[in-house]
Amino acid sequence: MLHRNWAPAPTWVSLLGLLMIAGCAPNPGAPAGSSSQAPPLGPGMARVWVLRQADPPQGNIEGARPMLFANGAPIAESREGTAFFRDFPPGTYKLTVQAFGTPAKQSDTVQLSAGMQSYVQVQAVPNWEEGSRAGGWSFAVLTMSPETAQQYIPTMTYLGQR
């Protein structure tokens, strides 16, 4: 009986599988976030954390870097898989995000008190979910609970204060 050492030659299927696995590995050059890395709040200030998850639903949305605004003033670009914060004096702030595709015009208003920390996420949303008859996607600013945000921040690239 003949015995041969048999090893299948790599095929495009096995190569594709390796690429998919490699794509799931964390990027060692991207520091994970932590709210403990943030400096303490200054006296009389409030903090807003902005998160954008790394798993957008589809398409070119993941390459977009929409600008976040507070009361119409630009704050910072929102990049996929990142978390940053901005300190504000107490007050009411309307948070909006730059349109991408067909604008969803979904914003969030936060009432900030001294010492308070608030969490929002910039999220890709299909326009039909926002009541638009137009197709496509856009971005919205949505409030997050502190508990949910604290679970996501360690998995994101921490950008510090913006």
C-alpha atoms as a PDB file:
ATOM      1  CA  MET A   1       0.000   0.000   0.000  1.00  0.00           C
ATOM      2  CA  LEU A   2       1.354   3.395  -0.993  1.00  0.00           C
ATOM      3  CA  HIS A   3       1.198   6.257   1.436  1.00  0.00           C
ATOM      4  CA  ARG A   4       1.546   9.785   0.256  1.00  0.00           C
ATOM      5  CA  ASN A   5       1.886  12.872   2.361  1.00  0.00           C
ATOM      6  CA  TRP A   6      -1.153  14.756   1.261  1.00  0.00           C
ATOM      7  CA  ALA A   7      -1.694  18.428   1.918  1.00  0.00           C
ATOM      8  CA  PRO A   8      -4.255  20.341  -0.079  1.00  0.00           C
ATOM      9  CA  ALA A   9      -2.898  23.219  -2.098  1.00  0.00           C
ATOM     10  CA  PRO A  10      -4.140  26.615  -0.943  1.00  0.00           C
ATOM     11  CA  THR A  11      -7.215  27.609  -2.825  1.00  0.00           C
ATOM     12  CA  TRP A  12      -8.945  30.930  -3.172  1.00  0.00           C
ATOM     13  CA  VAL A  13     -11.514  29.716  -0.629  1.00  0.00           C
ATOM     14  CA  SER A  14      -8.932  28.996   2.056  1.00  0.00           C
ATOM     15  CA  LEU A  15      -7.134  32.255   1.319  1.00  0.00           C
ATOM     16  CA  LEU A  16     -10.401  34.127   1.604  1.00  0.00           C
ATOM     17  CA  GLY A  17     -11.020  32.455   4.960  1.00  0.00           C
ATOM     18  CA  LEU A  18      -7.588  33.524   6.220  1.00  0.00           C
ATOM     19  CA  LEU A  19      -8.213  37.080   5.103  1.00  0.00           C
ATOM     20  CA  MET A  20     -11.541  37.121   6.898  1.00  0.00           C
ATOM     21  CA  ILE A  21      -9.950  35.843  10.103  1.00  0.00           C
ATOM     22  CA  ALA A  22      -7.139  38.390   9.858  1.00  0.00           C
ATOM     23  CA  GLY A  23      -9.707  41.149   9.415  1.00  0.00           C
ATOM     24  CA  CYS A  24     -11.310  40.178  12.724  1.00  0.00           C
ATOM     25  CA  ALA A  25      -8.079  40.497  14.678  1.00  0.00           C
ATOM     26  CA  PRO A  26      -7.661  43.659  16.711  1.00  0.00           C
ATOM     27  CA  ASN A  27      -5.306  46.263  15.341  1.00  0.00           C
ATOM     28  CA  PRO A  28      -2.338  46.305  17.752  1.00  0.00           C
ATOM     29  CA  GLY A  29      -1.470  49.850  16.687  1.00  0.00           C
ATOM     30  CA  ALA A  30      -4.885  51.206  17.656  1.00  0.00           C
ATOM     31  CA  PRO A  31      -5.095  52.015  21.367  1.00  0.00           C
ATOM     32  CA  ALA A  32      -8.256  50.894  23.073  1.00  0.00           C
ATOM     33  CA  GLY A  33     -10.250  53.566  24.789  1.00  0.00           C
ATOM     34  CA  SER A  34     -10.871  54.078  28.433  1.00  0.00           C
ATOM     35  CA  SER A  35     -12.767  56.783  30.210  1.00  0.00           C
ATOM     36  CA  SER A  36     -10.138  56.476  32.961  1.00  0.00           C
ATOM     37  CA  GLN A  37      -7.575  57.910  30.498  1.00  0.00           C
ATOM     38  CA  ALA A  38      -9.500  61.176  30.373  1.00  0.00           C
ATOM     39  CA  PRO A  39      -8.388  64.036  32.593  1.00  0.00           C
ATOM     40  CA  PRO A  40     -10.774  65.018  35.375  1.00  0.00           C
ATOM     41  CA  LEU A  41     -13.490  67.521  34.606  1.00  0.00           C
ATOM     42  CA  GLY A  42     -12.606  71.120  35.285  1.00  0.00           C
ATOM     43  CA  PRO A  43     -14.609  72.991  37.914  1.00  0.00           C
ATOM     44  CA  GLY A  44     -18.084  73.904  36.698  1.00  0.00           C
ATOM     45  CA  MET A  45     -17.773  71.893  33.431  1.00  0.00           C
ATOM     46  CA  ALA A  46     -19.732  68.978  31.925  1.00  0.00           C
ATOM     47  CA  ARG A  47     -18.458  66.291  29.553  1.00  0.00           C
ATOM     48  CA  VAL A  48     -20.014  64.778  26.428  1.00  0.00           C
ATOM     49  CA  TRP A  49     -18.551  61.517  25.133  1.00  0.00           C
ATOM     50  CA  VAL A  50     -19.002  60.818  21.403  1.00  0.00           C
ATOM     51  CA  LEU A  51     -18.753  57.230  20.147  1.00  0.00           C
ATOM     52  CA  ARG A  52     -18.931  55.741  16.676  1.00  0.00           C
ATOM     53  CA  GLN A  53     -18.938  51.969  16.503  1.00  0.00           C
ATOM     54  CA  ALA A  54     -16.620  50.087  14.159  1.00  0.00           C
ATOM     55  CA  ASP A  55     -19.280  47.941  12.529  1.00  0.00           C
ATOM     56  CA  PRO A  56     -21.425  50.114  10.292  1.00  0.00           C
ATOM     57  CA  PRO A  57     -24.088  48.225   8.411  1.00  0.00           C
ATOM     58  CA  GLN A  58     -22.782  48.543   4.841  1.00  0.00           C
ATOM     59  CA  GLY A  59     -21.431  50.512   1.935  1.00  0.00           C
ATOM     60  CA  ASN A  60     -19.241  53.584   1.917  1.00  0.00           C
ATOM     61  CA  ILE A  61     -20.637  54.743   5.248  1.00  0.00           C
ATOM     62  CA  GLU A  62     -17.596  53.306   7.025  1.00  0.00           C
ATOM     63  CA  GLY A  63     -15.252  55.623   5.102  1.00  0.00           C
ATOM     64  CA  ALA A  64     -17.247  58.742   5.940  1.00  0.00           C
ATOM     65  CA  ARG A  65     -16.019  61.108   8.633  1.00  0.00           C
ATOM     66  CA  PRO A  66     -19.009  63.323   9.324  1.00  0.00           C
ATOM     67  CA  MET A  67     -18.486  66.480  11.360  1.00  0.00           C
ATOM     68  CA  LEU A  68     -20.267  66.713  14.706  1.00  0.00           C
ATOM     69  CA  PHE A  69     -21.748  70.093  15.688  1.00  0.00           C
ATOM     70  CA  ALA A  70     -22.903  71.554  19.007  1.00  0.00           C
ATOM     71  CA  ASN A  71     -25.398  74.417  18.574  1.00  0.00           C
ATOM     72  CA  GLY A  72     -24.155  74.797  14.988  1.00  0.00           C
ATOM     73  CA  ALA A  73     -20.444  75.088  15.889  1.00  0.00           C
ATOM     74  CA  PRO A  74     -18.130  72.337  14.553  1.00  0.00           C
ATOM     75  CA  ILE A  75     -16.659  70.070  17.231  1.00  0.00           C
ATOM     76  CA  ALA A  76     -14.764  67.238  15.506  1.00  0.00           C
ATOM     77  CA  GLU A  77     -14.993  64.595  12.813  1.00  0.00           C
ATOM     78  CA  SER A  78     -16.518  61.307  13.844  1.00  0.00           C
ATOM     79  CA  ARG A  79     -14.394  58.395  12.673  1.00  0.00           C
ATOM     80  CA  GLU A  80     -15.421  54.768  12.638  1.00  0.00           C
ATOM     81  CA  GLY A  81     -14.380  52.836  15.750  1.00  0.00           C
ATOM     82  CA  THR A  82     -13.433  55.867  17.845  1.00  0.00           C
ATOM     83  CA  ALA A  83     -14.404  57.588  21.078  1.00  0.00           C
ATOM     84  CA  PHE A  84     -13.624  61.145  22.141  1.00  0.00           C
ATOM     85  CA  PHE A  85     -14.960  63.718  24.556  1.00  0.00           C
ATOM     86  CA  ARG A  86     -15.615  67.437  24.686  1.00  0.00           C
ATOM     87  CA  ASP A  87     -16.053  69.516  27.821  1.00  0.00           C
ATOM     88  CA  PHE A  88     -18.756  72.202  27.867  1.00  0.00           C
ATOM     89  CA  PRO A  89     -20.005  74.800  30.305  1.00  0.00           C
ATOM     90  CA  PRO A  90     -23.428  73.868  31.721  1.00  0.00           C
ATOM     91  CA  GLY A  91     -26.294  74.565  29.351  1.00  0.00           C
ATOM     92  CA  THR A  92     -28.455  73.139  26.573  1.00  0.00           C
ATOM     93  CA  TYR A  93     -26.718  71.839  23.454  1.00  0.00           C
ATOM     94  CA  LYS A  94     -28.242  70.610  20.214  1.00  0.00           C
ATOM     95  CA  LEU A  95     -25.892  67.982  18.790  1.00  0.00           C
ATOM     96  CA  THR A  96     -26.102  67.383  15.051  1.00  0.00           C
ATOM     97  CA  VAL A  97     -23.985  65.555  12.519  1.00  0.00           C
ATOM     98  CA  GLN A  98     -23.039  66.393   8.939  1.00  0.00           C
ATOM     99  CA  ALA A  99     -25.318  64.869   6.343  1.00  0.00           C
ATOM    100  CA  PHE A 100     -24.083  61.945   4.294  1.00  0.00           C
ATOM    101  CA  GLY A 101     -26.156  60.770   1.379  1.00  0.00           C
ATOM    102  CA  THR A 102     -29.717  61.823   2.074  1.00  0.00           C
ATOM    103  CA  PRO A 103     -29.843  63.788   5.356  1.00  0.00           C
ATOM    104  CA  ALA A 104     -31.685  62.101   8.219  1.00  0.00           C
ATOM    105  CA  LYS A 105     -31.677  65.363  10.215  1.00  0.00           C
ATOM    106  CA  GLN A 106     -31.761  63.379  13.444  1.00  0.00           C
ATOM    107  CA  SER A 107     -30.190  65.302  16.289  1.00  0.00           C
ATOM    108  CA  ASP A 108     -30.075  65.092  20.034  1.00  0.00           C
ATOM    109  CA  THR A 109     -30.393  67.821  22.627  1.00  0.00           C
ATOM    110  CA  VAL A 110     -28.537  67.428  25.896  1.00  0.00           C
ATOM    111  CA  GLN A 111     -29.050  69.468  29.043  1.00  0.00           C
ATOM    112  CA  LEU A 112     -25.705  69.585  30.829  1.00  0.00           C
ATOM    113  CA  SER A 113     -25.090  70.381  34.487  1.00  0.00           C
ATOM    114  CA  ALA A 114     -21.726  70.919  36.150  1.00  0.00           C
ATOM    115  CA  GLY A 115     -19.979  67.606  36.851  1.00  0.00           C
ATOM    116  CA  MET A 116     -22.254  65.657  34.495  1.00  0.00           C
ATOM    117  CA  GLN A 117     -21.084  63.182  31.849  1.00  0.00           C
ATOM    118  CA  SER A 118     -23.327  62.436  28.882  1.00  0.00           C
ATOM    119  CA  TYR A 119     -22.854  59.870  26.084  1.00  0.00           C
ATOM    120  CA  VAL A 120     -23.960  60.033  22.448  1.00  0.00           C
ATOM    121  CA  GLN A 121     -23.229  57.929  19.419  1.00  0.00           C
ATOM    122  CA  VAL A 122     -22.931  58.902  15.791  1.00  0.00           C
ATOM    123  CA  GLN A 123     -24.726  56.118  14.002  1.00  0.00           C
ATOM    124  CA  ALA A 124     -25.400  55.289  10.366  1.00  0.00           C
ATOM    125  CA  VAL A 125     -29.144  54.975   9.828  1.00  0.00           C
ATOM    126  CA  PRO A 126     -31.175  53.941   6.803  1.00  0.00           C
ATOM    127  CA  ASN A 127     -33.299  56.906   5.779  1.00  0.00           C
ATOM    128  CA  TRP A 128     -36.507  54.855   5.619  1.00  0.00           C
ATOM    129  CA  GLU A 129     -36.208  54.293   9.390  1.00  0.00           C
ATOM    130  CA  GLU A 130     -36.295  58.070   9.848  1.00  0.00           C
ATOM    131  CA  GLY A 131     -39.510  58.462   7.855  1.00  0.00           C
ATOM    132  CA  SER A 132     -37.859  59.605   4.624  1.00  0.00           C
ATOM    133  CA  ARG A 133     -39.139  58.375   1.282  1.00  0.00           C
ATOM    134  CA  ALA A 134     -35.660  58.783  -0.176  1.00  0.00           C
ATOM    135  CA  GLY A 135     -33.416  55.747  -0.193  1.00  0.00           C
ATOM    136  CA  GLY A 136     -29.901  55.566   1.131  1.00  0.00           C
ATOM    137  CA  TRP A 137     -28.224  56.136   4.429  1.00  0.00           C
ATOM    138  CA  SER A 138     -27.209  59.074   6.567  1.00  0.00           C
ATOM    139  CA  PHE A 139     -25.983  59.714  10.104  1.00  0.00           C
ATOM    140  CA  ALA A 140     -27.825  60.513  13.300  1.00  0.00           C
ATOM    141  CA  VAL A 141     -26.772  61.527  16.813  1.00  0.00           C
ATOM    142  CA  LEU A 142     -28.394  59.313  19.436  1.00  0.00           C
ATOM    143  CA  THR A 143     -28.142  59.301  23.225  1.00  0.00           C
ATOM    144  CA  MET A 144     -26.498  56.270  24.852  1.00  0.00           C
ATOM    145  CA  SER A 145     -26.907  55.083  28.405  1.00  0.00           C
ATOM    146  CA  PRO A 146     -23.715  55.397  30.470  1.00  0.00           C
ATOM    147  CA  GLU A 147     -23.752  51.621  31.071  1.00  0.00           C
ATOM    148  CA  THR A 148     -23.846  50.817  27.350  1.00  0.00           C
ATOM    149  CA  ALA A 149     -21.241  53.452  26.476  1.00  0.00           C
ATOM    150  CA  GLN A 150     -18.845  52.151  29.145  1.00  0.00           C
ATOM    151  CA  GLN A 151     -19.011  48.701  27.546  1.00  0.00           C
ATOM    152  CA  TYR A 152     -18.105  50.071  24.093  1.00  0.00           C
ATOM    153  CA  ILE A 153     -15.383  52.606  24.978  1.00  0.00           C
ATOM    154  CA  PRO A 154     -12.701  49.980  25.845  1.00  0.00           C
ATOM    155  CA  THR A 155     -13.107  48.431  22.373  1.00  0.00           C
ATOM    156  CA  MET A 156     -12.598  51.726  20.529  1.00  0.00           C
ATOM    157  CA  THR A 157      -9.652  53.878  19.586  1.00  0.00           C
ATOM    158  CA  TYR A 158      -9.500  56.611  22.202  1.00  0.00           C
ATOM    159  CA  LEU A 159      -8.938  60.055  20.666  1.00  0.00           C
ATOM    160  CA  GLY A 160      -8.989  62.124  23.849  1.00  0.00           C
ATOM    161  CA  GLN A 161     -10.442  65.617  23.990  1.00  0.00           C
ATOM    162  CA  ARG A 162     -11.610  67.296  20.782  1.00  0.00           C
END
